[in-house]
Amino acid sequence: MQSLILNRTALLLAVPALIGAGCATIQRLEVRETERTLAAAGFQMRPTDTPERQEDLRSMPPHRIVSRTKDSNVVYTYADPDNCHCVYVGGEIEYSEYERLRVQKEMARRASESSPSGGARGGAP
């Protein structure tokens, strides 16, 4: 009886840990995909290799594209303090291309999920 209770307790502790690890893995994959798309759109990756750049990185919201106006131009930044320890920087042209690529990938993903073969979900109707 006591081993059954210990097994249940271990299971109850293991499940949230596994779910948390799975969620973290998915988030890392999404961050990497976002960074690949930003680079493909022409954003420039800038390493935070000076104290000033490191401070800038800490002041930015992580893993979000933020727009700012600098010298009458809109500048878009994406900070990654966890993986590359860098900031991606682009202008309006790069941001438009990023959005185009993102929508294109989303449409392709949805098309593969709704294909007659079932896409990643498997096949039976």
C-alpha atoms as a PDB file:
ATOM      1  CA  MET A   1       0.000   0.000   0.000  1.00  0.00           C
ATOM      2  CA  GLN A   2       2.800   2.368   0.936  1.00  0.00           C
ATOM      3  CA  SER A   3       4.625   1.744  -2.376  1.00  0.00           C
ATOM      4  CA  LEU A   4       1.421   2.587  -4.266  1.00  0.00           C
ATOM      5  CA  ILE A   5       1.237   5.920  -2.432  1.00  0.00           C
ATOM      6  CA  LEU A   6       4.925   6.595  -3.187  1.00  0.00           C
ATOM      7  CA  ASN A   7       4.400   5.742  -6.874  1.00  0.00           C
ATOM      8  CA  ARG A   8       1.418   8.089  -7.098  1.00  0.00           C
ATOM      9  CA  THR A   9       3.339  10.848  -5.329  1.00  0.00           C
ATOM     10  CA  ALA A  10       6.295  10.401  -7.689  1.00  0.00           C
ATOM     11  CA  LEU A  11       3.950  10.494 -10.662  1.00  0.00           C
ATOM     12  CA  LEU A  12       2.224  13.631  -9.388  1.00  0.00           C
ATOM     13  CA  LEU A  13       5.602  15.327  -8.997  1.00  0.00           C
ATOM     14  CA  ALA A  14       6.998  14.114 -12.325  1.00  0.00           C
ATOM     15  CA  VAL A  15       4.094  15.136 -14.550  1.00  0.00           C
ATOM     16  CA  PRO A  16       4.299  18.906 -13.905  1.00  0.00           C
ATOM     17  CA  ALA A  17       8.087  18.790 -14.314  1.00  0.00           C
ATOM     18  CA  LEU A  18       7.770  17.010 -17.661  1.00  0.00           C
ATOM     19  CA  ILE A  19       5.072  19.413 -18.836  1.00  0.00           C
ATOM     20  CA  GLY A  20       7.225  22.367 -17.795  1.00  0.00           C
ATOM     21  CA  ALA A  21      10.233  20.966 -19.642  1.00  0.00           C
ATOM     22  CA  GLY A  22       8.115  20.374 -22.728  1.00  0.00           C
ATOM     23  CA  CYS A  23       6.777  23.921 -22.659  1.00  0.00           C
ATOM     24  CA  ALA A  24      10.304  25.339 -22.300  1.00  0.00           C
ATOM     25  CA  THR A  25      11.456  23.279 -25.285  1.00  0.00           C
ATOM     26  CA  ILE A  26       8.560  24.533 -27.408  1.00  0.00           C
ATOM     27  CA  GLN A  27       9.304  28.117 -26.411  1.00  0.00           C
ATOM     28  CA  ARG A  28      13.002  27.722 -27.341  1.00  0.00           C
ATOM     29  CA  LEU A  29      12.011  26.323 -30.731  1.00  0.00           C
ATOM     30  CA  GLU A  30       9.626  29.241 -31.307  1.00  0.00           C
ATOM     31  CA  VAL A  31      12.375  31.728 -30.371  1.00  0.00           C
ATOM     32  CA  ARG A  32      14.817  30.071 -32.787  1.00  0.00           C
ATOM     33  CA  GLU A  33      12.204  30.090 -35.558  1.00  0.00           C
ATOM     34  CA  THR A  34      11.493  33.776 -34.925  1.00  0.00           C
ATOM     35  CA  GLU A  35      15.211  34.558 -35.067  1.00  0.00           C
ATOM     36  CA  ARG A  36      15.639  32.628 -38.331  1.00  0.00           C
ATOM     37  CA  THR A  37      12.719  34.545 -39.821  1.00  0.00           C
ATOM     38  CA  LEU A  38      14.119  37.887 -38.622  1.00  0.00           C
ATOM     39  CA  ALA A  39      17.499  37.087 -40.204  1.00  0.00           C
ATOM     40  CA  ALA A  40      15.843  35.959 -43.449  1.00  0.00           C
ATOM     41  CA  ALA A  41      13.917  39.245 -43.528  1.00  0.00           C
ATOM     42  CA  GLY A  42      17.135  41.240 -43.315  1.00  0.00           C
ATOM     43  CA  PHE A  43      17.305  42.101 -39.625  1.00  0.00           C
ATOM     44  CA  GLN A  44      20.874  42.495 -38.407  1.00  0.00           C
ATOM     45  CA  MET A  45      22.015  40.503 -35.382  1.00  0.00           C
ATOM     46  CA  ARG A  46      24.051  42.619 -32.994  1.00  0.00           C
ATOM     47  CA  PRO A  47      25.895  40.812 -30.210  1.00  0.00           C
ATOM     48  CA  THR A  48      25.812  42.430 -26.792  1.00  0.00           C
ATOM     49  CA  ASP A  49      29.581  42.417 -26.453  1.00  0.00           C
ATOM     50  CA  THR A  50      30.053  45.714 -24.622  1.00  0.00           C
ATOM     51  CA  PRO A  51      28.766  46.856 -21.225  1.00  0.00           C
ATOM     52  CA  GLU A  52      26.560  49.457 -22.949  1.00  0.00           C
ATOM     53  CA  ARG A  53      24.969  46.875 -25.247  1.00  0.00           C
ATOM     54  CA  GLN A  54      24.479  44.485 -22.328  1.00  0.00           C
ATOM     55  CA  GLU A  55      22.648  47.223 -20.436  1.00  0.00           C
ATOM     56  CA  ASP A  56      20.508  47.927 -23.518  1.00  0.00           C
ATOM     57  CA  LEU A  57      19.657  44.219 -23.736  1.00  0.00           C
ATOM     58  CA  ARG A  58      18.594  44.128 -20.067  1.00  0.00           C
ATOM     59  CA  SER A  59      16.336  47.137 -20.585  1.00  0.00           C
ATOM     60  CA  MET A  60      14.428  45.574 -23.513  1.00  0.00           C
ATOM     61  CA  PRO A  61      11.484  43.198 -23.212  1.00  0.00           C
ATOM     62  CA  PRO A  62      12.769  39.728 -24.153  1.00  0.00           C
ATOM     63  CA  HIS A  63      11.516  37.856 -27.212  1.00  0.00           C
ATOM     64  CA  ARG A  64       9.246  40.644 -28.447  1.00  0.00           C
ATOM     65  CA  ILE A  65       9.519  42.912 -31.444  1.00  0.00           C
ATOM     66  CA  VAL A  66       9.447  46.505 -30.273  1.00  0.00           C
ATOM     67  CA  SER A  67       9.242  49.579 -32.477  1.00  0.00           C
ATOM     68  CA  ARG A  68      10.935  52.851 -31.625  1.00  0.00           C
ATOM     69  CA  THR A  69      11.433  56.073 -33.506  1.00  0.00           C
ATOM     70  CA  LYS A  70      15.034  57.154 -33.939  1.00  0.00           C
ATOM     71  CA  ASP A  71      15.976  60.211 -36.036  1.00  0.00           C
ATOM     72  CA  SER A  72      12.483  60.240 -37.636  1.00  0.00           C
ATOM     73  CA  ASN A  73      12.851  56.575 -38.664  1.00  0.00           C
ATOM     74  CA  VAL A  74      11.083  53.592 -37.164  1.00  0.00           C
ATOM     75  CA  VAL A  75      13.522  50.995 -35.823  1.00  0.00           C
ATOM     76  CA  TYR A  76      12.391  47.515 -34.803  1.00  0.00           C
ATOM     77  CA  THR A  77      14.320  45.524 -32.206  1.00  0.00           C
ATOM     78  CA  TYR A  78      14.055  41.990 -30.890  1.00  0.00           C
ATOM     79  CA  ALA A  79      16.077  41.137 -27.776  1.00  0.00           C
ATOM     80  CA  ASP A  80      17.217  37.607 -26.962  1.00  0.00           C
ATOM     81  CA  PRO A  81      18.964  37.573 -23.584  1.00  0.00           C
ATOM     82  CA  ASP A  82      18.729  33.778 -23.270  1.00  0.00           C
ATOM     83  CA  ASN A  83      20.122  32.150 -26.422  1.00  0.00           C
ATOM     84  CA  CYS A  84      22.257  34.405 -28.596  1.00  0.00           C
ATOM     85  CA  HIS A  85      22.594  37.248 -26.055  1.00  0.00           C
ATOM     86  CA  CYS A  86      21.967  39.612 -28.918  1.00  0.00           C
ATOM     87  CA  VAL A  87      19.556  42.128 -30.382  1.00  0.00           C
ATOM     88  CA  TYR A  88      18.082  41.918 -33.882  1.00  0.00           C
ATOM     89  CA  VAL A  89      17.623  45.334 -35.475  1.00  0.00           C
ATOM     90  CA  GLY A  90      15.708  46.282 -38.621  1.00  0.00           C
ATOM     91  CA  GLY A  91      13.753  49.060 -40.242  1.00  0.00           C
ATOM     92  CA  GLU A  92      10.333  49.269 -41.839  1.00  0.00           C
ATOM     93  CA  ILE A  93      11.368  47.283 -44.935  1.00  0.00           C
ATOM     94  CA  GLU A  94      12.791  44.430 -42.854  1.00  0.00           C
ATOM     95  CA  TYR A  95       9.753  44.403 -40.583  1.00  0.00           C
ATOM     96  CA  SER A  96       7.377  44.224 -43.562  1.00  0.00           C
ATOM     97  CA  GLU A  97       9.388  41.316 -44.965  1.00  0.00           C
ATOM     98  CA  TYR A  98       9.381  39.602 -41.551  1.00  0.00           C
ATOM     99  CA  GLU A  99       5.587  39.874 -41.371  1.00  0.00           C
ATOM    100  CA  ARG A 100       5.247  38.558 -44.937  1.00  0.00           C
ATOM    101  CA  LEU A 101       7.446  35.545 -44.141  1.00  0.00           C
ATOM    102  CA  ARG A 102       5.668  34.900 -40.849  1.00  0.00           C
ATOM    103  CA  VAL A 103       2.233  34.905 -42.498  1.00  0.00           C
ATOM    104  CA  GLN A 104       3.520  32.716 -45.335  1.00  0.00           C
ATOM    105  CA  LYS A 105       4.853  30.140 -42.836  1.00  0.00           C
ATOM    106  CA  GLU A 106       1.614  30.225 -40.841  1.00  0.00           C
ATOM    107  CA  MET A 107      -0.465  29.645 -43.981  1.00  0.00           C
ATOM    108  CA  ALA A 108       1.781  26.746 -45.004  1.00  0.00           C
ATOM    109  CA  ARG A 109       1.475  25.212 -41.529  1.00  0.00           C
ATOM    110  CA  ARG A 110      -2.316  25.491 -41.579  1.00  0.00           C
ATOM    111  CA  ALA A 111      -2.498  24.052 -45.086  1.00  0.00           C
ATOM    112  CA  SER A 112      -0.436  21.028 -44.051  1.00  0.00           C
ATOM    113  CA  GLU A 113      -2.649  20.472 -41.000  1.00  0.00           C
ATOM    114  CA  SER A 114      -5.837  20.546 -43.063  1.00  0.00           C
ATOM    115  CA  SER A 115      -4.547  18.475 -45.973  1.00  0.00           C
ATOM    116  CA  PRO A 116      -6.485  15.275 -46.837  1.00  0.00           C
ATOM    117  CA  SER A 117      -3.640  13.128 -45.536  1.00  0.00           C
ATOM    118  CA  GLY A 118      -3.970  14.808 -42.171  1.00  0.00           C
ATOM    119  CA  GLY A 119      -0.542  16.416 -42.193  1.00  0.00           C
ATOM    120  CA  ALA A 120       1.259  16.013 -38.888  1.00  0.00           C
ATOM    121  CA  ARG A 121      -1.845  14.654 -37.159  1.00  0.00           C
ATOM    122  CA  GLY A 122      -1.909  11.327 -38.972  1.00  0.00           C
ATOM    123  CA  GLY A 123      -4.263  10.077 -41.563  1.00  0.00           C
ATOM    124  CA  ALA A 124      -7.585   8.467 -40.753  1.00  0.00           C
ATOM    125  CA  PRO A 125     -10.653  10.586 -41.551  1.00  0.00           C
END
